[in-house]
Amino acid sequence: MFKTITLRQMKNNTIIFILFLYTGFCFAADPANLLFIGNSFTYVNNMPGMVKALAVANEKVINIEQITKGGYSIVQHAKDPKTLNALASKKWDIVVFQGQSLEPIVDKPNMIKSGKELADKCKEAKLMLYLTWAYQTEERFFIKARKTSIGNLKNEELKSLYANMQKLLTEGYNAMAEEIHAEVVPVGLAWEVSRKRYPSLNLFRKDEYHPSKQGTYLSAIVFYKAIFGQSPEKAALKFSDQANHNKMETVVDGLK
């Protein structure tokens, strides 16, 4: 005997079948592949690893790799076979560019030019720019700046540059983002807000420009939100307690 199926049952079965297909495809999707291209501001304390740990803690899946070298600029990465081979090695969903910490100030035109060269090799990947932070002290800025093309400027001119360091970094990365159609990940702006709102969170190492573990963790939260569209509710407890995590999350959620 054949069982009679009503029109309503057929509609319900169709809906269930569609939902099954949809959820099946969602679960079968490959994890996002993300590549960080940068220097010690990326690899100190393994910031990509912290992003991955936050993803795990919040039940997200992502594959993250990095091509980093101490002091490297975007200009140098654009000429480095190791970087170029990494870009060509697989289909990347997201590629992040991070320049030398003074590069947007001392070599902005060449940074943008080299950014274009790298962007042309990223195929269909979404591009993100890692906006870094101002140094902790004017003294550290003077020491680093004297070794660059602005090293011959008068002290008053360097003082003015340091006072506007975050603004100049932001302008440099925004200009590059406009040229290569990238998203600026506002790590430096999060640091700026955090230093004012939560001074007890020490973001710097003793050298006054590299990140402490707390600084790296804040950077990772900013990247997590850029990647997944929302801040991570749960802390990666290996790196931070929930209370400090919540403070940093408040900072990140308050950014425009």
Protein backbone atom coordinates (compact mmCIF):
# COMPACT_ATOMS: atom_id res chain seq x y z
CA MET A 1 0.00 0.00 0.00
CA PHE A 2 1.28 3.46 -0.88
CA LYS A 3 0.92 6.13 1.77
CA THR A 4 -0.77 9.30 0.61
CA ILE A 5 1.35 12.42 1.13
CA THR A 6 -0.44 15.73 1.52
CA LEU A 7 0.68 19.00 -0.08
CA ARG A 8 1.60 20.39 3.34
CA GLN A 9 3.78 17.35 4.09
CA MET A 10 5.52 17.76 0.75
CA LYS A 11 6.25 21.41 1.55
CA ASN A 12 7.56 20.51 5.01
CA ASN A 13 9.76 17.77 3.61
CA THR A 14 11.13 20.17 1.00
CA ILE A 15 12.00 22.74 3.67
CA ILE A 16 13.72 20.08 5.80
CA PHE A 17 15.70 18.88 2.77
CA ILE A 18 16.82 22.42 1.92
CA LEU A 19 17.90 23.04 5.53
CA PHE A 20 19.80 19.76 5.51
CA LEU A 21 21.66 20.75 2.37
CA TYR A 22 22.41 24.22 3.73
CA THR A 23 23.75 23.04 7.07
CA GLY A 24 25.63 20.23 5.38
CA PHE A 25 27.42 22.71 3.15
CA CYS A 26 28.16 24.96 6.15
CA PHE A 27 29.80 22.19 8.11
CA ALA A 28 31.66 20.90 5.05
CA ALA A 29 33.20 24.29 4.22
CA ASP A 30 36.97 24.46 4.42
CA PRO A 31 38.44 26.56 7.26
CA ALA A 32 39.44 30.07 6.23
CA ASN A 33 43.10 30.38 5.29
CA LEU A 34 44.79 33.52 6.60
CA LEU A 35 48.36 34.66 5.95
CA PHE A 36 50.15 37.31 8.02
CA ILE A 37 53.01 39.12 6.24
CA GLY A 38 54.99 41.30 8.63
CA ASN A 39 57.78 41.48 11.18
CA SER A 40 58.38 41.30 14.93
CA PHE A 41 55.19 43.24 15.71
CA THR A 42 53.43 40.16 14.34
CA TYR A 43 55.66 37.33 15.59
CA VAL A 44 56.62 38.56 19.08
CA ASN A 45 54.45 36.53 21.48
CA ASN A 46 53.03 34.83 18.35
CA MET A 47 50.06 37.11 17.75
CA PRO A 48 48.68 34.85 14.97
CA GLY A 49 48.73 32.00 17.49
CA MET A 50 46.71 34.12 19.92
CA VAL A 51 44.14 34.82 17.21
CA LYS A 52 43.91 31.07 16.62
CA ALA A 53 43.55 30.43 20.38
CA LEU A 54 40.72 32.96 20.59
CA ALA A 55 39.04 31.24 17.64
CA VAL A 56 39.26 27.86 19.38
CA ALA A 57 37.94 29.30 22.66
CA ASN A 58 34.96 30.76 20.81
CA GLU A 59 34.33 27.68 18.64
CA LYS A 60 35.56 29.18 15.37
CA VAL A 61 37.75 27.41 12.85
CA ILE A 62 40.58 29.09 10.95
CA ASN A 63 43.99 28.16 9.56
CA ILE A 64 46.66 30.83 10.14
CA GLU A 65 50.20 31.02 8.78
CA GLN A 66 52.80 33.78 8.84
CA ILE A 67 55.78 35.04 6.85
CA THR A 68 57.67 37.35 9.18
CA LYS A 69 61.18 38.68 9.63
CA GLY A 70 62.54 41.13 12.20
CA GLY A 71 62.50 44.75 11.04
CA TYR A 72 61.05 43.89 7.65
CA SER A 73 59.11 46.48 5.68
CA ILE A 74 56.40 46.02 3.07
CA VAL A 75 58.97 47.21 0.52
CA GLN A 76 61.28 44.35 1.51
CA HIS A 77 58.51 41.75 1.54
CA ALA A 78 57.51 42.73 -2.00
CA LYS A 79 60.99 41.67 -3.18
CA ASP A 80 61.46 38.60 -0.99
CA PRO A 81 61.09 35.23 -2.80
CA LYS A 82 59.96 33.57 0.44
CA THR A 83 57.03 35.98 0.73
CA LEU A 84 56.13 35.69 -2.94
CA ASN A 85 56.29 31.89 -2.81
CA ALA A 86 54.04 31.85 0.24
CA LEU A 87 51.44 33.96 -1.56
CA ALA A 88 51.51 31.58 -4.51
CA SER A 89 51.46 28.42 -2.39
CA LYS A 90 47.69 28.21 -1.86
CA LYS A 91 44.40 30.04 -2.10
CA TRP A 92 44.32 32.51 0.77
CA ASP A 93 41.02 33.85 2.01
CA ILE A 94 42.65 36.72 3.90
CA VAL A 95 46.14 38.23 3.58
CA VAL A 96 47.43 40.75 6.14
CA PHE A 97 50.21 43.25 5.39
CA GLN A 98 52.16 44.81 8.26
CA GLY A 99 54.95 47.28 7.60
CA GLN A 100 58.01 48.35 9.55
CA SER A 101 56.93 50.43 12.54
CA LEU A 102 58.00 53.77 11.00
CA GLU A 103 57.48 52.87 7.34
CA PRO A 104 54.24 54.85 6.79
CA ILE A 105 56.06 57.94 8.12
CA VAL A 106 59.50 57.66 6.49
CA ASP A 107 58.71 55.79 3.24
CA LYS A 108 54.97 56.12 2.56
CA PRO A 109 55.12 56.36 -1.31
CA ASN A 110 57.28 53.25 -1.66
CA MET A 111 55.24 51.40 0.94
CA ILE A 112 52.08 52.00 -1.09
CA LYS A 113 53.81 51.07 -4.34
CA SER A 114 55.09 47.81 -2.86
CA GLY A 115 51.69 47.16 -1.29
CA LYS A 116 50.18 47.30 -4.76
CA GLU A 117 52.75 44.79 -6.02
CA LEU A 118 51.90 42.38 -3.21
CA ALA A 119 48.16 42.95 -3.64
CA ASP A 120 48.40 41.99 -7.32
CA LYS A 121 49.69 38.57 -6.24
CA CYS A 122 46.89 37.92 -3.74
CA LYS A 123 44.36 36.81 -6.36
CA GLU A 124 40.91 36.80 -4.76
CA ALA A 125 42.00 37.13 -1.14
CA LYS A 126 40.54 39.80 1.12
CA LEU A 127 43.31 42.22 2.05
CA MET A 128 43.82 43.59 5.55
CA LEU A 129 46.36 46.15 6.75
CA TYR A 130 47.74 45.88 10.27
CA LEU A 131 47.72 49.44 11.61
CA THR A 132 50.40 49.47 14.29
CA TRP A 133 50.89 51.76 17.31
CA ALA A 134 52.91 54.77 18.41
CA TYR A 135 55.99 54.07 20.51
CA GLN A 136 55.68 54.32 24.27
CA THR A 137 58.15 57.21 24.68
CA GLU A 138 59.56 60.12 22.72
CA GLU A 139 63.09 58.94 23.59
CA ARG A 140 62.51 55.59 21.86
CA PHE A 141 61.11 57.41 18.82
CA PHE A 142 64.24 59.59 18.60
CA ILE A 143 66.53 56.56 18.78
CA LYS A 144 64.66 54.73 15.99
CA ALA A 145 64.05 57.81 13.84
CA ARG A 146 67.73 58.80 13.82
CA LYS A 147 68.45 55.58 11.91
CA THR A 148 66.02 56.43 9.09
CA SER A 149 65.63 59.00 6.33
CA ILE A 150 64.25 61.52 8.84
CA GLY A 151 67.29 61.19 11.07
CA ASN A 152 68.67 64.63 10.18
CA LEU A 153 65.58 66.54 11.25
CA LYS A 154 65.87 68.98 14.12
CA ASN A 155 64.76 67.89 17.57
CA GLU A 156 61.67 70.09 17.45
CA GLU A 157 60.61 68.53 14.17
CA LEU A 158 61.07 65.03 15.58
CA LYS A 159 59.12 66.00 18.69
CA SER A 160 56.24 67.09 16.46
CA LEU A 161 56.38 63.82 14.53
CA TYR A 162 56.30 61.79 17.73
CA ALA A 163 53.36 63.80 19.08
CA ASN A 164 51.47 62.90 15.91
CA MET A 165 52.90 59.41 15.40
CA GLN A 166 49.61 57.50 15.65
CA LYS A 167 47.89 60.00 13.36
CA LEU A 168 50.65 59.67 10.76
CA LEU A 169 50.64 55.87 10.93
CA THR A 170 46.86 55.87 10.49
CA GLU A 171 47.03 58.23 7.52
CA GLY A 172 49.69 56.08 5.86
CA TYR A 173 47.76 52.83 6.20
CA ASN A 174 44.49 54.50 5.19
CA ALA A 175 46.14 55.84 2.03
CA MET A 176 47.45 52.38 1.18
CA ALA A 177 44.08 50.80 1.91
CA GLU A 178 42.40 53.14 -0.54
CA GLU A 179 44.88 52.27 -3.27
CA ILE A 180 44.65 48.48 -2.90
CA HIS A 181 41.05 48.18 -1.63
CA ALA A 182 42.01 46.77 1.75
CA GLU A 183 40.50 46.90 5.23
CA VAL A 184 42.51 48.66 7.91
CA VAL A 185 42.60 46.67 11.15
CA PRO A 186 42.86 49.44 13.80
CA VAL A 187 45.22 47.82 16.28
CA GLY A 188 47.12 51.05 16.95
CA LEU A 189 43.90 52.92 17.68
CA ALA A 190 42.90 50.23 20.19
CA TRP A 191 46.28 50.65 21.89
CA GLU A 192 45.79 54.42 22.00
CA VAL A 193 42.40 54.07 23.70
CA SER A 194 43.56 51.33 26.05
CA ARG A 195 46.57 53.35 27.27
CA LYS A 196 44.22 56.17 28.29
CA ARG A 197 41.35 54.11 29.69
CA TYR A 198 43.24 51.21 31.29
CA PRO A 199 46.79 52.39 32.09
CA SER A 200 47.25 49.37 34.35
CA LEU A 201 47.29 47.19 31.22
CA ASN A 202 50.94 47.44 30.23
CA LEU A 203 51.02 46.92 26.47
CA PHE A 204 54.76 47.42 25.93
CA ARG A 205 57.91 45.45 26.54
CA LYS A 206 60.81 47.15 28.29
CA ASP A 207 62.16 48.33 24.92
CA GLU A 208 59.14 50.69 24.71
CA TYR A 209 57.95 49.69 21.25
CA HIS A 210 57.51 45.91 21.01
CA PRO A 211 54.34 44.45 22.52
CA SER A 212 54.12 42.78 25.89
CA LYS A 213 51.92 39.70 26.12
CA GLN A 214 49.00 41.95 27.05
CA GLY A 215 49.73 44.16 24.05
CA THR A 216 49.79 41.17 21.74
CA TYR A 217 46.55 39.86 23.24
CA LEU A 218 44.80 43.19 22.61
CA SER A 219 46.06 43.11 19.02
CA ALA A 220 44.69 39.59 18.64
CA ILE A 221 41.23 40.67 19.83
CA VAL A 222 41.19 43.47 17.24
CA PHE A 223 42.09 40.97 14.52
CA TYR A 224 39.53 38.45 15.73
CA LYS A 225 36.79 41.05 15.35
CA ALA A 226 38.05 42.04 11.89
CA ILE A 227 38.05 38.41 10.77
CA PHE A 228 34.80 37.16 12.32
CA GLY A 229 32.78 40.37 12.52
CA GLN A 230 32.35 40.27 16.28
CA SER A 231 34.51 40.40 19.38
CA PRO A 232 35.39 37.13 21.12
CA GLU A 233 33.21 36.67 24.21
CA LYS A 234 35.41 34.02 25.78
CA ALA A 235 39.03 34.62 26.72
CA ALA A 236 41.86 32.43 25.55
CA LEU A 237 42.71 31.59 29.15
CA LYS A 238 46.21 30.45 28.26
CA PHE A 239 47.02 34.11 27.55
CA SER A 240 44.60 36.25 29.58
CA ASP A 241 42.10 36.09 32.42
CA GLN A 242 38.49 36.91 31.64
CA ALA A 243 38.57 40.26 33.50
CA ASN A 244 41.39 41.75 31.40
CA HIS A 245 39.87 40.18 28.31
CA ASN A 246 36.61 42.02 29.04
CA LYS A 247 38.43 45.35 29.42
CA MET A 248 40.15 44.89 26.08
CA GLU A 249 36.92 43.79 24.44
CA THR A 250 35.27 47.01 25.65
CA VAL A 251 38.05 49.01 24.02
CA VAL A 252 37.73 47.15 20.72
CA ASP A 253 33.94 47.36 20.62
CA GLY A 254 34.17 51.11 21.18
CA LEU A 255 36.28 51.71 18.06
CA LYS A 256 34.57 53.28 15.07
